[in-house]
Protein backbone atom coordinates (compact mmCIF):
# COMPACT_ATOMS: atom_id res chain seq x y z
CA MET A 1 18.56 -46.53 -30.64
CA PHE A 2 15.93 -43.93 -29.90
CA PHE A 3 15.80 -40.60 -28.17
CA VAL A 4 12.34 -40.21 -26.69
CA LEU A 5 11.47 -36.60 -26.00
CA VAL A 6 8.70 -36.23 -23.44
CA ASN A 7 6.66 -33.02 -23.68
CA TYR A 8 4.32 -32.14 -20.82
CA ILE A 9 0.85 -31.15 -21.94
CA LYS A 10 -0.54 -30.65 -18.42
CA PRO A 11 0.54 -28.21 -15.69
CA ILE A 12 3.54 -29.24 -13.59
CA GLU A 13 1.22 -29.86 -10.60
CA VAL A 14 -0.50 -32.62 -12.58
CA VAL A 15 2.87 -34.00 -13.74
CA GLU A 16 3.99 -34.29 -10.11
CA GLU A 17 0.89 -36.33 -9.22
CA PHE A 18 2.19 -39.10 -11.50
CA LEU A 19 5.92 -38.64 -10.88
CA GLU A 20 6.35 -41.52 -8.41
CA SER A 21 4.66 -44.02 -10.73
CA HIS A 22 6.65 -42.61 -13.68
CA VAL A 23 9.90 -43.25 -11.77
CA ALA A 24 8.77 -46.85 -11.11
CA PHE A 25 8.15 -47.20 -14.87
CA LEU A 26 11.69 -45.90 -15.56
CA ASP A 27 13.17 -48.30 -12.99
CA LYS A 28 11.46 -51.27 -14.66
CA TYR A 29 13.12 -50.54 -18.00
CA TYR A 30 16.50 -49.70 -16.46
CA GLU A 31 16.40 -53.17 -14.88
CA GLN A 32 15.72 -54.65 -18.33
CA LYS A 33 18.68 -52.67 -19.78
CA LYS A 34 16.35 -50.85 -22.20
CA PHE A 35 16.94 -47.35 -20.78
CA ILE A 36 20.43 -45.90 -20.81
CA ILE A 37 19.83 -42.39 -19.49
CA SER A 38 16.84 -40.21 -18.65
CA GLY A 39 16.13 -36.88 -17.08
CA ARG A 40 14.21 -33.64 -16.96
CA ARG A 41 14.46 -30.99 -19.62
CA ASN A 42 15.55 -27.51 -18.60
CA PRO A 43 13.32 -25.56 -18.43
CA ARG A 44 11.04 -28.23 -16.99
CA THR A 45 8.79 -28.77 -19.99
CA GLY A 46 9.27 -32.53 -20.15
CA GLY A 47 12.06 -35.05 -20.22
CA ALA A 48 14.23 -37.21 -22.41
CA ILE A 49 15.00 -40.93 -22.43
CA LEU A 50 17.69 -42.76 -24.39
CA VAL A 51 16.26 -46.18 -25.27
CA ASN A 52 18.42 -49.14 -26.25
CA SER A 53 16.24 -50.65 -28.97
CA THR A 54 16.29 -50.95 -32.74
CA SER A 55 12.51 -51.47 -32.96
CA LYS A 56 10.03 -48.58 -33.07
CA ASP A 57 7.28 -51.07 -32.21
CA GLU A 58 9.12 -52.03 -29.04
CA VAL A 59 9.61 -48.39 -28.05
CA ASP A 60 5.92 -47.69 -28.69
CA LYS A 61 4.97 -50.60 -26.45
CA ILE A 62 7.32 -49.42 -23.69
CA VAL A 63 6.04 -45.84 -23.81
CA SER A 64 2.44 -47.05 -23.70
CA GLU A 65 3.16 -48.22 -20.13
CA ASP A 66 4.35 -44.81 -18.94
CA PRO A 67 1.89 -43.30 -16.43
CA PHE A 68 2.46 -39.94 -18.15
CA PHE A 69 1.18 -41.52 -21.38
CA ILE A 70 -1.66 -43.45 -19.77
CA ASN A 71 -2.94 -40.35 -17.95
CA LYS A 72 -2.43 -38.01 -20.93
CA VAL A 73 0.09 -35.88 -19.05
CA ALA A 74 2.61 -35.81 -21.90
CA ASN A 75 3.10 -36.51 -25.56
CA TYR A 76 6.19 -38.09 -27.07
CA GLU A 77 8.55 -37.53 -29.97
CA PHE A 78 10.71 -40.41 -31.19
CA ILE A 79 14.07 -39.83 -32.85
CA GLU A 80 15.70 -42.98 -34.19
CA PHE A 81 19.43 -42.92 -34.78
CA VAL A 82 22.22 -45.36 -35.49
CA PRO A 83 25.23 -44.90 -33.20
CA THR A 84 28.45 -45.15 -35.14
CA LYS A 85 30.87 -43.49 -32.73
CA PHE A 86 30.84 -43.29 -28.94
CA ASP A 87 33.04 -43.07 -25.87
CA GLU A 88 34.37 -46.50 -24.85
CA HIS A 89 32.59 -46.19 -21.48
CA PHE A 90 29.28 -46.53 -23.31
CA SER A 91 30.28 -49.62 -25.28
CA PRO A 92 28.19 -52.04 -23.15
CA PHE A 93 25.06 -50.24 -24.41
CA MET A 94 25.95 -49.79 -28.05
CA GLN A 95 25.10 -51.83 -31.09
CA VAL A 96 27.22 -50.36 -33.86
CA HIS A 97 25.83 -50.51 -37.39
CA ASN A 98 27.86 -49.56 -40.43
């Protein structure tokens, strides 16, 4: 699994120009069950996405489709982690590795 931290590198007015297409990008990967949760950071300096993948290459490919990435609105930090404990309500999303 990966946390993807999105960091805006353009003013919020520029971010908002691409927000609708960014939401469509998010919807695409929610439909494919790749995204588990996403949202804005507070203060509004970017966002965060929890990605259901064990492949950094796959996450790189997904992020390369983000309009924020394509239009150089944001940069990204990837944090890979292995979930070993979680609330039972999240079990449909989890791949436990020991």
